[in-house]
Amino acid sequence: MGDMNILIIMLNMAYIIFLGAFVCKKIVWLRGLAIVGYIMGMPYFYFFFEKPQWINLGWTGVYTVINLFMLFLIYLESRPIILSDLEQKIYDRTFKSLKPKEFKHLIDHGSLDELQPEVGLVTRDTHLEKLMLVVEGQAEVVLKNGDEVDILAGGFIGEQSFITGENTSADVATGKEAATILSWNSDSLRKYLEKKPHLKETLELILTSDVIHKLRDMEEKYDEIKHSNDLNIS
């Protein structure tokens, strides 16, 4: 079999591989087979003709490089996310409805601070520029009527202001012990979420769930107080 026949066979094999690539449902297989097809077709354009077909070779090289680059991006996106012990604790407690990759990107946009006891975090009737999450320890909320409510680890601070854009309705400070707080700049976080509609929707559900949980806890607390008063317990 002559060299020319081998080149033609390789070219036809390349076209068969392209055909296989086009019926692949997975993008990784499509791009991988396309790369193999491009490489197998190159010798034909270089050796079959009297002079190398540089235009064909050039464009084939460009397509090969593009597919290699896209495969590299797919590899980066598909790598397993490794969380630290603290990040894993935060994820399990609050963000389990997010994909680990989404959570990692979200938490990387925030900052983690260890604060001393009784450090002010929120002032009532002001514009809050942060969304915060209690990671360790707790925060104390003082409502307008003077009632105090504790926000335990896993609870958000400023979530209502973040959702509605309105001023704060209570004073908040760290508790009687040191606390670890994860915080995001509200404007930066909103801009980031605009590019991630699925993440935005899921985070809003998480925040709304946190608000509902707090309201239920307050209702139960007031019901207990009312029940005690009805029994005339002194």
Protein backbone atom coordinates (compact mmCIF):
# COMPACT_ATOMS: atom_id res chain seq x y z
CA MET A 1 0.00 0.00 0.00
CA GLY A 2 1.47 3.34 -1.05
CA ASP A 3 2.04 6.28 1.19
CA MET A 4 -0.65 8.24 -0.66
CA ASN A 5 -3.24 5.56 0.05
CA ILE A 6 -2.30 5.60 3.75
CA LEU A 7 -2.81 9.36 3.83
CA ILE A 8 -6.25 9.02 2.22
CA ILE A 9 -7.19 6.29 4.70
CA MET A 10 -6.08 8.51 7.59
CA LEU A 11 -8.16 11.40 6.21
CA ASN A 12 -11.24 9.21 5.93
CA MET A 13 -10.65 7.86 9.43
CA ALA A 14 -10.50 11.48 10.61
CA TYR A 15 -13.89 12.17 8.99
CA ILE A 16 -15.35 9.05 10.63
CA ILE A 17 -14.04 10.27 14.00
CA PHE A 18 -15.66 13.67 13.34
CA LEU A 19 -18.93 11.86 12.63
CA GLY A 20 -18.60 10.04 15.95
CA ALA A 21 -17.86 13.33 17.70
CA PHE A 22 -21.00 14.98 16.34
CA VAL A 23 -23.27 12.27 17.78
CA CYS A 24 -21.71 12.45 21.25
CA LYS A 25 -23.96 13.90 23.94
CA LYS A 26 -21.12 14.70 26.31
CA ILE A 27 -19.10 17.77 25.38
CA VAL A 28 -15.87 16.23 26.68
CA TRP A 29 -16.13 13.32 24.24
CA LEU A 30 -17.10 15.65 21.40
CA ARG A 31 -14.08 17.88 21.89
CA GLY A 32 -11.73 14.97 22.55
CA LEU A 33 -12.73 13.12 19.39
CA ALA A 34 -12.56 16.35 17.38
CA ILE A 35 -8.96 16.83 18.50
CA VAL A 36 -8.08 13.27 17.45
CA GLY A 37 -9.75 13.83 14.08
CA TYR A 38 -7.88 17.09 13.45
CA ILE A 39 -4.54 15.46 14.29
CA MET A 40 -5.23 12.46 12.04
CA GLY A 41 -6.13 14.73 9.13
CA MET A 42 -3.00 16.88 9.33
CA PRO A 43 -0.60 14.48 7.54
CA TYR A 44 -2.88 14.48 4.50
CA PHE A 45 -2.66 18.24 4.09
CA TYR A 46 1.10 18.21 4.66
CA PHE A 47 2.28 15.23 2.59
CA PHE A 48 -0.40 14.42 0.00
CA PHE A 49 -0.01 17.53 -2.14
CA GLU A 50 3.07 18.75 -3.91
CA LYS A 51 3.31 21.62 -1.43
CA PRO A 52 1.93 21.60 2.14
CA GLN A 53 -1.52 23.15 2.40
CA TRP A 54 -0.63 25.71 5.00
CA ILE A 55 -4.06 27.33 5.13
CA ASN A 56 -5.74 24.00 5.92
CA LEU A 57 -2.99 23.10 8.38
CA GLY A 58 -3.20 26.51 10.04
CA TRP A 59 -6.96 26.40 10.58
CA THR A 60 -6.77 22.79 11.73
CA GLY A 61 -4.15 23.83 14.27
CA VAL A 62 -6.34 26.70 15.46
CA TYR A 63 -9.35 24.38 15.95
CA THR A 64 -7.17 21.87 17.80
CA VAL A 65 -5.79 24.51 20.16
CA ILE A 66 -9.28 25.91 20.85
CA ASN A 67 -10.65 22.47 21.71
CA LEU A 68 -7.65 21.71 23.92
CA PHE A 69 -8.19 25.00 25.76
CA MET A 70 -11.91 24.31 26.23
CA LEU A 71 -11.12 20.83 27.55
CA PHE A 72 -8.75 22.44 30.04
CA LEU A 73 -11.52 24.80 31.20
CA ILE A 74 -13.90 21.86 31.57
CA TYR A 75 -11.29 20.10 33.66
CA LEU A 76 -10.89 23.13 35.92
CA GLU A 77 -14.67 23.43 36.36
CA SER A 78 -15.15 19.74 37.08
CA ARG A 79 -12.40 19.39 39.68
CA PRO A 80 -13.74 18.35 43.08
CA ILE A 81 -14.06 21.21 45.55
CA ILE A 82 -11.98 20.80 48.70
CA LEU A 83 -13.36 22.67 51.70
CA SER A 84 -11.56 23.42 54.93
CA ASP A 85 -13.01 22.06 58.17
CA LEU A 86 -14.60 25.42 58.96
CA GLU A 87 -15.98 25.83 55.43
CA GLN A 88 -17.42 22.32 55.59
CA LYS A 89 -19.11 23.17 58.89
CA ILE A 90 -20.63 26.34 57.39
CA TYR A 91 -21.76 24.43 54.31
CA ASP A 92 -23.40 21.61 56.29
CA ARG A 93 -25.13 24.00 58.67
CA THR A 94 -26.46 26.66 56.30
CA PHE A 95 -25.69 26.19 52.60
CA LYS A 96 -26.36 22.53 51.86
CA SER A 97 -28.91 23.47 49.19
CA LEU A 98 -26.05 24.97 47.15
CA LYS A 99 -23.62 22.98 45.05
CA PRO A 100 -20.17 22.85 46.70
CA LYS A 101 -18.67 24.86 43.83
CA GLU A 102 -21.33 27.56 44.18
CA PHE A 103 -20.78 27.67 47.92
CA LYS A 104 -17.00 27.95 47.52
CA HIS A 105 -17.32 30.87 45.12
CA LEU A 106 -19.85 32.53 47.42
CA ILE A 107 -17.75 32.19 50.56
CA ASP A 108 -14.65 33.41 48.70
CA HIS A 109 -16.50 36.71 48.09
CA GLY A 110 -16.89 37.21 51.83
CA SER A 111 -14.51 37.88 54.70
CA LEU A 112 -14.17 36.01 57.97
CA ASP A 113 -13.61 38.01 61.18
CA GLU A 114 -13.13 36.97 64.79
CA LEU A 115 -14.75 39.61 66.97
CA GLN A 116 -14.58 40.32 70.68
CA PRO A 117 -17.66 40.19 72.94
CA GLU A 118 -20.28 42.96 72.68
CA VAL A 119 -18.97 44.45 69.43
CA GLY A 120 -21.64 46.45 67.60
CA LEU A 121 -22.60 45.00 64.23
CA VAL A 122 -25.82 46.78 63.28
CA THR A 123 -27.38 50.07 64.34
CA ARG A 124 -31.15 50.46 64.14
CA ASP A 125 -32.66 52.64 61.38
CA THR A 126 -29.48 52.81 59.30
CA HIS A 127 -28.50 51.59 55.86
CA LEU A 128 -26.63 48.33 56.28
CA GLU A 129 -23.82 47.71 53.83
CA LYS A 130 -23.19 44.12 54.85
CA LEU A 131 -24.86 40.75 54.95
CA MET A 132 -23.47 38.70 57.84
CA LEU A 133 -23.55 35.11 59.04
CA VAL A 134 -22.76 33.95 62.56
CA VAL A 135 -20.22 31.16 62.12
CA GLU A 136 -19.23 30.57 65.76
CA GLY A 137 -20.57 32.07 68.96
CA GLN A 138 -23.74 34.14 68.81
CA ALA A 139 -25.11 37.63 68.28
CA GLU A 140 -27.67 39.53 70.35
CA VAL A 141 -30.50 41.50 68.76
CA VAL A 142 -32.25 44.33 70.59
CA LEU A 143 -35.65 45.08 69.05
CA LYS A 144 -37.45 48.43 69.11
CA ASN A 145 -39.58 47.33 72.05
CA GLY A 146 -36.48 46.41 74.02
CA ASP A 147 -36.84 42.64 73.65
CA GLU A 148 -33.64 40.70 73.13
CA VAL A 149 -33.24 37.81 70.70
CA ASP A 150 -30.18 35.62 70.22
CA ILE A 151 -28.86 34.68 66.78
CA LEU A 152 -27.03 31.41 67.09
CA ALA A 153 -24.34 29.98 64.81
CA GLY A 154 -25.78 29.46 61.34
CA GLY A 155 -28.08 32.49 61.58
CA PHE A 156 -27.87 35.54 59.32
CA ILE A 157 -27.60 39.19 60.35
CA GLY A 158 -29.03 41.88 58.09
CA GLU A 159 -30.80 39.46 55.77
CA GLN A 160 -34.03 41.50 55.73
CA SER A 161 -32.18 44.67 54.76
CA PHE A 162 -30.29 42.73 52.09
CA ILE A 163 -33.51 41.34 50.61
CA THR A 164 -35.61 44.53 50.78
CA GLY A 165 -32.93 47.23 50.63
CA GLU A 166 -34.61 49.01 53.55
CA ASN A 167 -33.01 50.36 56.73
CA THR A 168 -32.36 48.10 59.69
CA SER A 169 -35.01 47.53 62.36
CA ALA A 170 -32.87 46.48 65.33
CA ASP A 171 -29.51 46.83 67.04
CA VAL A 172 -27.22 43.83 66.80
CA ALA A 173 -23.96 43.07 68.61
CA THR A 174 -21.85 40.03 69.34
CA GLY A 175 -22.80 38.15 72.49
CA LYS A 176 -21.02 37.89 75.80
CA GLU A 177 -18.36 35.68 74.22
CA ALA A 178 -16.17 36.14 71.15
CA ALA A 179 -17.82 35.34 67.83
CA THR A 180 -16.70 34.50 64.31
CA ILE A 181 -18.64 36.40 61.65
CA LEU A 182 -18.66 35.86 57.90
CA SER A 183 -19.66 39.01 56.04
CA TRP A 184 -20.23 40.13 52.46
CA ASN A 185 -20.43 43.65 51.08
CA SER A 186 -24.06 43.92 50.01
CA ASP A 187 -23.49 45.85 46.78
CA SER A 188 -20.65 43.60 45.63
CA LEU A 189 -22.65 40.49 46.48
CA ARG A 190 -25.70 41.74 44.56
CA LYS A 191 -23.57 42.42 41.48
CA TYR A 192 -22.05 38.97 41.71
CA LEU A 193 -25.45 37.31 42.11
CA GLU A 194 -26.81 39.12 39.03
CA LYS A 195 -24.38 37.02 36.98
CA LYS A 196 -25.46 33.82 38.78
CA PRO A 197 -29.27 33.60 38.59
CA HIS A 198 -29.47 30.08 40.03
CA LEU A 199 -27.23 31.00 42.95
CA LYS A 200 -29.20 34.20 43.51
CA GLU A 201 -32.50 32.33 43.62
CA THR A 202 -31.18 29.67 45.99
CA LEU A 203 -29.54 32.20 48.32
CA GLU A 204 -32.78 34.20 48.49
CA LEU A 205 -34.60 31.02 49.54
CA ILE A 206 -31.97 30.38 52.22
CA LEU A 207 -32.31 33.94 53.55
CA THR A 208 -36.11 33.80 53.46
CA SER A 209 -36.03 30.50 55.33
CA ASP A 210 -33.78 32.10 57.95
CA VAL A 211 -36.25 34.99 58.41
CA ILE A 212 -39.20 32.59 58.76
CA HIS A 213 -37.28 30.49 61.29
CA LYS A 214 -36.55 33.59 63.41
CA LEU A 215 -40.17 34.74 63.28
CA ARG A 216 -41.38 31.33 64.41
CA ASP A 217 -38.92 31.32 67.30
CA MET A 218 -40.17 34.76 68.38
CA GLU A 219 -43.81 33.64 68.16
CA GLU A 220 -43.08 30.58 70.28
CA LYS A 221 -41.26 32.74 72.82
CA TYR A 222 -44.17 35.18 73.10
CA ASP A 223 -46.69 32.32 73.28
CA GLU A 224 -44.77 30.86 76.21
CA ILE A 225 -44.78 34.24 77.98
CA LYS A 226 -48.49 34.72 77.33
CA HIS A 227 -49.25 31.20 78.54
CA SER A 228 -47.27 31.81 81.74
CA ASN A 229 -49.16 35.03 82.41
CA ASP A 230 -52.51 33.33 81.87
CA LEU A 231 -51.55 30.78 84.52
CA ASN A 232 -50.61 33.63 86.90
CA ILE A 233 -47.20 32.18 87.52
CA SER A 234 -45.22 34.46 89.82
